[in-house]
Amino acid sequence: MFIKIAQLFLSLTILITLHEFGHYWFARRFKTRVDKFYLFFDFLFPFANVLPFSIFKKKIGDTEYGLGWFPLGGYVQIAGMVDEQMDKDMINRPAEPWELRSKPAWQRLLVMLGGIIVNLLLGFLIFWMVLWAWGKNTQPISGLKYGLQVDSVAYKMGLRQGDFITSLDKKPVVSINRIPVEIIMNKVATIEGVHANGEKFSLPINDIDRSVILKNLKTSPFIAPRNLVKVDSVVVGSFAANSQLKKDDYIIAVDGVPIKFYDELKAQLYPNRGKEVKLTLLRGKDTVSSLNKITTDATLGITIDNSEVYVVKNQSFGFFEAFVQGSQDAWEKVVMQAKQLVVIFTVKDAYLQIGGFATMTKAMPSEWDWQNFWMFTGFLSLALAFMNFLPIPMLDGGYVMFILWEMITGKKVSDKVIYYANNVGLYIVLGLMIFANTDWLRDMLMK
């Protein structure tokens, strides 16, 4: 867990620092004074006067650079920027030449877009560099040996163990891990494929199905490659660690019931939760028996070797090829953010799947992996750019909205209106943050 937290912490630190640098850079280009540039907050956010102190600070020129004690986000304090923490008296004073308020609308617009621009460029750059350095791994549908393993949600929809999904809305499936994303985000209406017995199928999908798939994705993958039950490793400290199980063993029966695939093993483990079962193992050419206790979560304490049952294809890219593909992949992530926002408001109970820091921590690999780290950081950079562009007062997009109104109508929104709008926006954002970061509580209550 420590490694997961450390990766998320480093990722957010990089992104927040560069986001704030985007505002800082444009402000300094337009000769606007920047009073503070802080990583983390030097107060109890969002209360600017509560517990104000810094771990480190140093003033260079007009700007105080520092490290705050409250490890959430960071900020630049730009002179004359009307925000929810600014002294209310400031809005009643005339603007000074070095203040943001005195600058032309187009300059103020670029200052407020600075963080978004940096996050967008960084996201595209990371996707480009990752593809150039490591390439891209996919699970082609053609590489399946035993078809798909389906969870209970997929089964209720009509999919069966060993199915091959060939197309979605008549469009050929290229990669297995794209299937749930396409169904939810692109509102696929029909799944086409072939059952294990060779019979073709066409299954309709509706919004209720999408809602159920989305609801269960945190705990179950909907579909996955169908695996043989070949032991890859035994988890240290598990019940299996005290049994006869060894790497490369095949589990071929549970209490005398023959099994071949992992879904068949799960079907036998579930009714035996908390009990001891007799496993029959194939070890080379020998048959071995082992008594194993099943956890209350219906697990054995082993990981499965899936190298024999499906192909993971790695596609490498040259420098310029990586730029083209990376740009396409990054833009798709931006579009997916917009589609995800639509899904939240159009798919039943989709808003309940909004997650916070706990969800992001779970998404990080348990071992330090630079490829996964940078891919996650690139995605998060694009997500931050999108979220900050939303026209909510206090966010960058809220300021952009007011400035665009001024540029279109020729009428500047008063500082007083912006001040009070930002105070309202603050509570909206705080409410969203609290909701997102209590996802663990919602998950617990829904069990």
Protein backbone atom coordinates (compact mmCIF):
# COMPACT_ATOMS: atom_id res chain seq x y z
CA MET A 1 0.00 0.00 0.00
CA PHE A 2 2.90 2.36 0.78
CA ILE A 3 4.20 2.06 -2.79
CA LYS A 4 0.74 2.79 -4.18
CA ILE A 5 0.41 5.90 -2.00
CA ALA A 6 3.95 7.04 -2.86
CA GLN A 7 3.26 6.78 -6.62
CA LEU A 8 0.01 8.72 -6.34
CA PHE A 9 1.66 11.35 -4.13
CA LEU A 10 4.53 11.83 -6.60
CA SER A 11 2.16 11.99 -9.56
CA LEU A 12 -0.04 14.65 -7.94
CA THR A 13 2.99 16.64 -6.78
CA ILE A 14 4.38 16.80 -10.32
CA LEU A 15 1.03 17.74 -11.86
CA ILE A 16 0.05 20.37 -9.29
CA THR A 17 3.47 22.05 -9.38
CA LEU A 18 3.43 22.28 -13.17
CA HIS A 19 -0.23 23.38 -13.23
CA GLU A 20 0.51 26.28 -10.90
CA PHE A 21 3.66 27.08 -12.89
CA GLY A 22 1.43 27.57 -15.94
CA HIS A 23 -0.46 30.35 -14.14
CA TYR A 24 2.80 31.77 -12.78
CA TRP A 25 4.54 31.82 -16.18
CA PHE A 26 1.81 33.73 -17.97
CA ALA A 27 1.38 36.14 -15.04
CA ARG A 28 5.08 37.01 -15.07
CA ARG A 29 5.08 37.38 -18.87
CA PHE A 30 2.43 40.07 -18.52
CA LYS A 31 4.28 41.84 -15.68
CA THR A 32 1.76 40.79 -13.06
CA ARG A 33 3.11 40.44 -9.55
CA VAL A 34 2.99 36.94 -8.08
CA ASP A 35 2.98 37.14 -4.27
CA LYS A 36 3.20 33.40 -3.51
CA PHE A 37 4.03 30.11 -5.24
CA TYR A 38 3.36 27.17 -2.92
CA LEU A 39 3.38 23.41 -3.21
CA PHE A 40 0.69 22.29 -0.74
CA PHE A 41 -1.19 24.80 1.36
CA ASP A 42 0.36 26.84 4.18
CA PHE A 43 -3.05 26.92 5.89
CA LEU A 44 -5.94 24.58 6.58
CA PHE A 45 -7.57 24.61 3.14
CA PRO A 46 -9.98 26.25 2.41
CA PHE A 47 -9.72 28.47 5.51
CA ALA A 48 -6.91 30.91 4.69
CA ASN A 49 -6.50 32.20 8.27
CA VAL A 50 -6.55 28.83 10.06
CA LEU A 51 -3.18 27.32 11.07
CA PRO A 52 -1.11 29.49 8.71
CA PHE A 53 2.49 28.27 8.62
CA SER A 54 5.03 26.92 6.15
CA ILE A 55 7.47 24.02 6.31
CA PHE A 56 9.82 26.04 4.11
CA LYS A 57 9.66 29.46 2.46
CA LYS A 58 12.04 31.83 0.73
CA LYS A 59 11.31 35.18 -0.88
CA ILE A 60 12.97 35.88 -4.22
CA GLY A 61 12.07 39.23 -5.71
CA ASP A 62 8.36 39.88 -5.18
CA THR A 63 7.48 36.18 -4.87
CA GLU A 64 7.52 33.98 -1.77
CA TYR A 65 8.24 30.35 -2.73
CA GLY A 66 7.28 27.77 -0.16
CA LEU A 67 6.23 24.31 0.92
CA GLY A 68 3.00 24.20 2.90
CA TRP A 69 2.12 21.78 5.66
CA PHE A 70 -1.31 20.72 4.33
CA PRO A 71 -0.48 18.11 1.63
CA LEU A 72 -3.37 18.73 -0.72
CA GLY A 73 -2.83 20.69 -3.92
CA GLY A 74 -0.93 23.94 -4.10
CA TYR A 75 -1.46 27.48 -5.31
CA VAL A 76 -0.08 30.68 -6.74
CA GLN A 77 -1.29 33.94 -5.23
CA ILE A 78 -1.45 36.47 -8.04
CA ALA A 79 -1.78 40.14 -7.11
CA GLY A 80 -5.23 41.50 -7.93
CA MET A 81 -6.79 38.10 -8.56
CA VAL A 82 -10.29 38.10 -7.13
CA ASP A 83 -10.78 34.77 -5.41
CA GLU A 84 -12.63 33.22 -2.49
CA GLN A 85 -9.73 33.84 -0.06
CA MET A 86 -8.92 37.45 -1.02
CA ASP A 87 -9.45 40.28 1.41
CA LYS A 88 -12.91 41.64 0.62
CA ASP A 89 -11.61 45.22 0.94
CA MET A 90 -9.47 44.67 -2.17
CA ILE A 91 -12.50 44.70 -4.47
CA ASN A 92 -13.37 48.22 -3.33
CA ARG A 93 -9.95 49.65 -4.24
CA PRO A 94 -8.87 50.75 -7.73
CA ALA A 95 -6.67 48.27 -9.60
CA GLU A 96 -2.91 48.81 -9.51
CA PRO A 97 -0.78 48.46 -12.70
CA TRP A 98 0.88 45.26 -11.42
CA GLU A 99 -2.42 43.59 -10.53
CA LEU A 100 -4.20 41.02 -12.68
CA ARG A 101 -7.38 43.12 -12.51
CA SER A 102 -5.73 45.89 -14.50
CA LYS A 103 -4.61 43.68 -17.40
CA PRO A 104 -6.43 43.37 -20.75
CA ALA A 105 -9.00 40.57 -20.98
CA TRP A 106 -6.87 38.44 -23.34
CA GLN A 107 -3.95 38.50 -20.90
CA ARG A 108 -6.18 37.58 -17.96
CA LEU A 109 -7.61 34.77 -20.08
CA LEU A 110 -4.16 33.30 -20.77
CA VAL A 111 -3.16 33.58 -17.10
CA MET A 112 -6.25 31.63 -16.07
CA LEU A 113 -5.78 29.09 -18.87
CA GLY A 114 -2.09 28.65 -18.03
CA GLY A 115 -2.54 25.64 -15.74
CA ILE A 116 -4.94 23.93 -18.15
CA ILE A 117 -2.59 24.50 -21.09
CA VAL A 118 0.34 23.00 -19.17
CA ASN A 119 -1.71 19.95 -18.08
CA LEU A 120 -2.88 19.36 -21.66
CA LEU A 121 0.60 19.69 -23.15
CA LEU A 122 2.09 17.53 -20.40
CA GLY A 123 -0.52 14.82 -20.92
CA PHE A 124 0.14 14.70 -24.67
CA LEU A 125 3.92 14.71 -24.06
CA ILE A 126 3.72 11.84 -21.56
CA PHE A 127 1.61 9.67 -23.89
CA TRP A 128 4.08 10.38 -26.70
CA MET A 129 7.17 9.54 -24.63
CA VAL A 130 5.66 6.40 -23.04
CA LEU A 131 4.79 4.97 -26.45
CA TRP A 132 8.25 5.79 -27.75
CA ALA A 133 9.97 4.22 -24.73
CA TRP A 134 7.78 1.19 -24.00
CA GLY A 135 5.28 0.83 -26.82
CA LYS A 136 1.71 -0.27 -26.18
CA ASN A 137 0.39 -3.56 -24.79
CA THR A 138 -3.00 -4.80 -26.00
CA GLN A 139 -5.00 -8.00 -25.60
CA PRO A 140 -6.18 -8.79 -29.16
CA ILE A 141 -9.41 -10.76 -29.29
CA SER A 142 -7.74 -13.03 -31.85
CA GLY A 143 -5.18 -14.05 -29.22
CA LEU A 144 -7.69 -15.82 -26.96
CA LYS A 145 -7.27 -19.57 -26.69
CA TYR A 146 -10.27 -20.48 -24.54
CA GLY A 147 -12.54 -17.47 -25.05
CA LEU A 148 -13.71 -15.11 -22.31
CA GLN A 149 -14.44 -15.51 -18.64
CA VAL A 150 -17.60 -13.59 -17.76
CA ASP A 151 -18.80 -12.33 -14.38
CA SER A 152 -22.33 -12.59 -12.99
CA VAL A 153 -23.41 -9.30 -14.60
CA ALA A 154 -22.26 -10.44 -18.07
CA TYR A 155 -23.90 -13.84 -17.49
CA LYS A 156 -27.27 -12.28 -16.69
CA MET A 157 -27.03 -10.27 -19.90
CA GLY A 158 -26.64 -13.49 -21.89
CA LEU A 159 -22.89 -13.96 -22.20
CA ARG A 160 -21.46 -17.38 -21.33
CA GLN A 161 -18.10 -18.77 -20.23
CA GLY A 162 -15.87 -19.32 -23.25
CA ASP A 163 -17.67 -16.78 -25.47
CA PHE A 164 -15.83 -14.84 -28.15
CA ILE A 165 -17.07 -11.25 -28.61
CA THR A 166 -16.35 -10.34 -32.22
CA SER A 167 -18.02 -6.94 -32.66
CA LEU A 168 -19.88 -4.12 -30.91
CA ASP A 169 -22.62 -2.48 -32.98
CA LYS A 170 -21.14 -4.32 -35.99
CA LYS A 171 -17.72 -2.73 -35.43
CA PRO A 172 -14.94 -5.34 -35.01
CA VAL A 173 -13.42 -5.68 -31.53
CA VAL A 174 -9.68 -5.14 -31.58
CA SER A 175 -8.75 -5.30 -27.88
CA ILE A 176 -10.44 -7.13 -25.01
CA ASN A 177 -9.83 -4.38 -22.46
CA ARG A 178 -11.71 -1.89 -24.66
CA ILE A 179 -15.02 -3.77 -24.49
CA PRO A 180 -16.47 -2.42 -21.19
CA VAL A 181 -15.27 1.11 -22.04
CA GLU A 182 -16.99 1.02 -25.44
CA ILE A 183 -20.22 -0.34 -23.95
CA ILE A 184 -20.43 2.34 -21.25
CA MET A 185 -18.90 5.41 -22.89
CA ASN A 186 -20.02 4.96 -26.48
CA LYS A 187 -23.44 3.53 -25.58
CA VAL A 188 -23.05 0.32 -27.57
CA ALA A 189 -26.50 -1.12 -28.30
CA THR A 190 -25.56 -4.64 -29.41
CA ILE A 191 -22.85 -7.18 -28.56
CA GLU A 192 -22.15 -9.75 -31.29
CA GLY A 193 -20.10 -12.89 -30.97
CA VAL A 194 -19.86 -16.68 -30.88
CA HIS A 195 -20.57 -19.04 -27.98
CA ALA A 196 -18.09 -21.81 -27.14
CA ASN A 197 -20.32 -24.31 -28.98
CA GLY A 198 -20.03 -22.33 -32.21
CA GLU A 199 -23.48 -20.73 -32.01
CA LYS A 200 -23.57 -17.04 -32.97
CA PHE A 201 -25.27 -14.52 -30.69
CA SER A 202 -26.42 -10.90 -30.73
CA LEU A 203 -27.28 -9.37 -27.35
CA PRO A 204 -29.07 -6.03 -26.88
CA ILE A 205 -27.64 -3.56 -24.30
CA ASN A 206 -29.70 -0.84 -22.64
CA ASP A 207 -29.00 1.95 -20.14
CA ILE A 208 -29.92 -0.28 -17.20
CA ASP A 209 -27.30 -2.81 -18.33
CA ARG A 210 -24.72 -0.05 -18.62
CA SER A 211 -25.57 1.16 -15.14
CA VAL A 212 -25.11 -2.32 -13.65
CA ILE A 213 -21.82 -2.89 -15.53
CA LEU A 214 -20.46 0.45 -14.31
CA LYS A 215 -21.61 -0.22 -10.75
CA ASN A 216 -19.75 -3.53 -10.60
CA LEU A 217 -16.53 -2.59 -12.41
CA LYS A 218 -14.81 -1.68 -9.13
CA THR A 219 -15.08 -5.27 -7.93
CA SER A 220 -15.46 -7.33 -11.11
CA PRO A 221 -14.04 -6.82 -14.62
CA PHE A 222 -17.23 -7.81 -16.56
CA ILE A 223 -15.12 -9.93 -18.92
CA ALA A 224 -11.56 -11.25 -18.92
CA PRO A 225 -9.56 -13.89 -20.81
CA ARG A 226 -10.58 -17.39 -19.68
CA ASN A 227 -7.69 -18.93 -17.74
CA LEU A 228 -6.59 -22.43 -16.93
CA VAL A 229 -5.93 -22.87 -13.21
CA LYS A 230 -2.13 -22.89 -13.29
CA VAL A 231 -0.43 -21.60 -10.15
CA ASP A 232 1.96 -18.72 -10.80
CA SER A 233 2.76 -17.93 -7.16
CA VAL A 234 1.55 -18.50 -3.61
CA VAL A 235 0.80 -15.40 -1.54
CA VAL A 236 3.03 -15.16 1.54
CA GLY A 237 1.03 -15.52 4.76
CA SER A 238 -2.01 -17.04 3.03
CA PHE A 239 -3.60 -20.41 3.79
CA ALA A 240 -2.08 -21.70 0.55
CA ALA A 241 1.42 -20.95 1.85
CA ASN A 242 0.97 -23.76 4.40
CA SER A 243 -0.33 -26.29 1.84
CA GLN A 244 1.20 -28.45 -0.90
CA LEU A 245 0.55 -25.89 -3.66
CA LYS A 246 3.59 -25.01 -5.77
CA LYS A 247 4.34 -22.87 -8.78
CA ASP A 248 3.28 -24.45 -12.11
CA ASP A 249 0.76 -26.80 -10.45
CA TYR A 250 -2.55 -27.20 -12.30
CA ILE A 251 -5.63 -27.47 -10.08
CA ILE A 252 -7.81 -30.08 -11.77
CA ALA A 253 -10.42 -30.90 -9.09
CA VAL A 254 -11.99 -29.55 -5.88
CA ASP A 255 -13.38 -32.19 -3.50
CA GLY A 256 -13.50 -34.59 -6.44
CA VAL A 257 -15.34 -32.19 -8.78
CA PRO A 258 -13.31 -31.87 -12.02
CA ILE A 259 -12.35 -28.33 -13.08
CA LYS A 260 -10.28 -26.89 -15.90
CA PHE A 261 -10.82 -23.13 -15.88
CA TYR A 262 -10.55 -20.42 -13.24
CA ASP A 263 -14.28 -19.62 -13.41
CA GLU A 264 -15.00 -23.27 -12.59
CA LEU A 265 -12.62 -23.06 -9.62
CA LYS A 266 -14.42 -19.94 -8.34
CA ALA A 267 -17.75 -21.74 -8.64
CA GLN A 268 -16.43 -24.46 -6.30
CA LEU A 269 -14.71 -22.12 -3.84
CA TYR A 270 -17.67 -19.82 -3.23
CA PRO A 271 -19.95 -22.37 -1.49
CA ASN A 272 -16.95 -23.58 0.56
CA ARG A 273 -15.98 -20.19 2.03
CA GLY A 274 -14.25 -20.62 5.40
CA LYS A 275 -14.06 -24.40 4.94
CA GLU A 276 -11.30 -26.85 4.12
CA VAL A 277 -11.34 -28.55 0.72
CA LYS A 278 -9.29 -31.22 -0.99
CA LEU A 279 -7.55 -30.01 -4.15
CA THR A 280 -6.31 -32.39 -6.81
CA LEU A 281 -3.19 -31.06 -8.50
CA LEU A 282 -1.40 -31.99 -11.70
CA ARG A 283 2.33 -31.55 -11.13
CA GLY A 284 4.20 -32.50 -14.27
CA LYS A 285 2.91 -36.02 -14.96
CA ASP A 286 2.04 -36.71 -11.32
CA THR A 287 -1.26 -36.23 -9.50
CA VAL A 288 -0.99 -34.73 -6.01
CA SER A 289 -3.61 -34.06 -3.32
CA SER A 290 -3.58 -31.04 -1.01
CA LEU A 291 -5.87 -29.90 1.80
CA ASN A 292 -6.52 -26.17 1.60
CA LYS A 293 -8.62 -23.79 3.67
CA ILE A 294 -10.71 -21.28 1.73
CA THR A 295 -10.90 -17.68 2.93
CA THR A 296 -14.22 -16.06 3.73
CA ASP A 297 -13.75 -14.10 0.47
CA ALA A 298 -13.66 -17.39 -1.48
CA THR A 299 -9.96 -17.18 -2.37
CA LEU A 300 -7.06 -19.63 -2.04
CA GLY A 301 -4.15 -17.22 -1.76
CA ILE A 302 -2.60 -17.86 -5.16
CA THR A 303 -2.00 -15.92 -8.37
CA ILE A 304 -2.77 -17.51 -11.73
CA ASP A 305 -0.33 -17.90 -14.62
CA ASN A 306 -2.16 -16.69 -17.73
CA SER A 307 0.77 -16.72 -20.14
CA GLU A 308 -0.48 -19.84 -21.93
CA VAL A 309 -4.08 -18.81 -22.56
CA TYR A 310 -3.94 -15.43 -24.29
CA VAL A 311 -1.49 -13.26 -26.12
CA VAL A 312 -0.41 -9.82 -24.97
CA LYS A 313 0.71 -7.92 -28.06
CA ASN A 314 3.33 -5.20 -27.73
CA GLN A 315 3.39 -2.64 -30.49
CA SER A 316 6.53 -0.54 -30.72
CA PHE A 317 6.69 2.97 -32.20
CA GLY A 318 9.34 5.18 -33.72
CA PHE A 319 9.79 8.74 -32.48
CA PHE A 320 7.32 10.34 -34.91
CA GLU A 321 4.97 7.34 -34.96
CA ALA A 322 4.75 7.60 -31.17
CA PHE A 323 3.85 11.29 -31.52
CA VAL A 324 0.93 10.53 -33.86
CA GLN A 325 -0.40 7.58 -31.85
CA GLY A 326 0.26 9.28 -28.51
CA SER A 327 -1.66 12.36 -29.65
CA GLN A 328 -4.58 10.18 -30.73
CA ASP A 329 -4.57 8.26 -27.44
CA ALA A 330 -4.33 11.45 -25.37
CA TRP A 331 -7.14 13.15 -27.27
CA GLU A 332 -9.28 10.05 -26.81
CA LYS A 333 -8.75 10.38 -23.04
CA VAL A 334 -9.95 13.99 -23.18
CA VAL A 335 -13.03 12.97 -25.17
CA MET A 336 -13.65 10.15 -22.69
CA GLN A 337 -13.67 12.69 -19.86
CA ALA A 338 -16.46 14.56 -21.63
CA LYS A 339 -18.35 11.34 -22.28
CA GLN A 340 -17.90 10.31 -18.66
CA LEU A 341 -19.52 13.57 -17.58
CA VAL A 342 -22.48 12.77 -19.84
CA VAL A 343 -22.65 9.24 -18.43
CA ILE A 344 -22.84 10.61 -14.87
CA PHE A 345 -26.00 12.53 -15.77
CA THR A 346 -27.58 9.98 -18.13
CA VAL A 347 -26.81 6.50 -16.79
CA LYS A 348 -28.69 5.45 -13.66
CA ASP A 349 -26.60 5.60 -10.46
CA ALA A 350 -23.43 6.40 -12.44
CA TYR A 351 -22.67 9.29 -10.08
CA LEU A 352 -22.23 6.74 -7.28
CA GLN A 353 -19.09 5.46 -9.03
CA ILE A 354 -17.26 8.79 -8.69
CA GLY A 355 -14.09 8.07 -6.75
CA GLY A 356 -11.47 10.06 -4.88
CA PHE A 357 -7.97 9.51 -3.58
CA ALA A 358 -8.74 5.98 -2.29
CA THR A 359 -9.92 4.90 -5.74
CA MET A 360 -6.87 6.45 -7.40
CA THR A 361 -4.58 4.72 -4.91
CA LYS A 362 -6.13 1.34 -5.73
CA ALA A 363 -5.48 1.99 -9.43
CA MET A 364 -1.73 2.27 -8.84
CA PRO A 365 0.39 -0.91 -9.20
CA SER A 366 1.55 -2.55 -5.96
CA GLU A 367 5.15 -2.55 -7.23
CA TRP A 368 6.92 0.49 -8.60
CA ASP A 369 6.40 0.44 -12.36
CA TRP A 370 7.56 3.50 -14.30
CA GLN A 371 5.53 2.69 -17.40
CA ASN A 372 2.27 2.41 -15.44
CA PHE A 373 3.24 5.41 -13.32
CA TRP A 374 3.73 7.68 -16.32
CA MET A 375 0.63 6.39 -18.11
CA PHE A 376 -1.44 7.13 -15.00
CA THR A 377 0.22 10.54 -14.61
CA GLY A 378 -0.50 11.37 -18.26
CA PHE A 379 -4.14 10.38 -17.88
CA LEU A 380 -4.46 12.31 -14.61
CA SER A 381 -2.89 15.40 -16.19
CA LEU A 382 -5.53 15.37 -18.94
CA ALA A 383 -8.29 14.71 -16.39
CA LEU A 384 -7.13 17.69 -14.29
CA ALA A 385 -7.11 19.89 -17.39
CA PHE A 386 -10.66 18.86 -18.22
CA MET A 387 -11.98 19.27 -14.68
CA ASN A 388 -10.36 22.68 -14.28
CA PHE A 389 -11.99 23.82 -17.53
CA LEU A 390 -15.49 23.19 -16.15
CA PRO A 391 -17.34 26.55 -15.79
CA ILE A 392 -17.61 26.36 -12.00
CA PRO A 393 -16.68 29.52 -10.05
CA MET A 394 -13.39 29.11 -8.18
CA LEU A 395 -12.05 26.67 -10.78
CA ASP A 396 -10.02 28.04 -13.68
CA GLY A 397 -13.02 27.44 -15.93
CA GLY A 398 -15.13 29.76 -13.78
CA TYR A 399 -12.72 32.64 -14.32
CA VAL A 400 -12.53 31.81 -18.03
CA MET A 401 -16.34 31.97 -18.21
CA PHE A 402 -16.40 35.49 -16.73
CA ILE A 403 -13.58 36.71 -19.00
CA LEU A 404 -15.18 35.27 -22.14
CA TRP A 405 -18.42 37.01 -21.20
CA GLU A 406 -16.48 40.26 -20.99
CA MET A 407 -14.77 39.67 -24.34
CA ILE A 408 -18.05 38.83 -26.09
CA THR A 409 -20.27 41.53 -24.57
CA GLY A 410 -17.68 44.22 -23.90
CA LYS A 411 -18.98 44.43 -20.31
CA LYS A 412 -16.63 43.43 -17.51
CA VAL A 413 -18.12 41.37 -14.70
CA SER A 414 -17.64 43.31 -11.46
CA ASP A 415 -15.06 42.14 -8.94
CA LYS A 416 -17.80 41.94 -6.33
CA VAL A 417 -19.84 39.47 -8.44
CA ILE A 418 -16.74 37.34 -9.05
CA TYR A 419 -15.88 37.43 -5.34
CA TYR A 420 -19.26 36.13 -4.20
CA ALA A 421 -19.53 33.66 -7.09
CA ASN A 422 -16.19 32.18 -6.05
CA ASN A 423 -17.42 31.77 -2.49
CA VAL A 424 -20.40 29.81 -3.80
CA GLY A 425 -18.09 27.82 -6.09
CA LEU A 426 -15.87 26.99 -3.14
CA TYR A 427 -18.70 25.18 -1.38
CA ILE A 428 -19.68 23.39 -4.60
CA VAL A 429 -16.12 22.13 -5.08
CA LEU A 430 -15.77 21.17 -1.41
CA GLY A 431 -19.04 19.25 -1.61
CA LEU A 432 -17.86 17.39 -4.71
CA MET A 433 -14.52 16.59 -3.05
CA ILE A 434 -16.22 15.23 0.05
CA PHE A 435 -18.60 13.15 -2.06
CA ALA A 436 -15.77 11.77 -4.22
CA ASN A 437 -13.56 10.91 -1.25
CA THR A 438 -16.29 9.06 0.66
CA ASP A 439 -16.57 6.47 -2.13
CA TRP A 440 -15.19 3.85 0.30
CA LEU A 441 -18.13 4.57 2.60
CA ARG A 442 -20.64 4.29 -0.26
CA ASP A 443 -19.07 1.00 -1.34
CA MET A 444 -19.30 -0.35 2.22
CA LEU A 445 -22.96 0.69 2.59
CA MET A 446 -23.91 -0.85 -0.77
CA LYS A 447 -22.45 -4.26 0.12
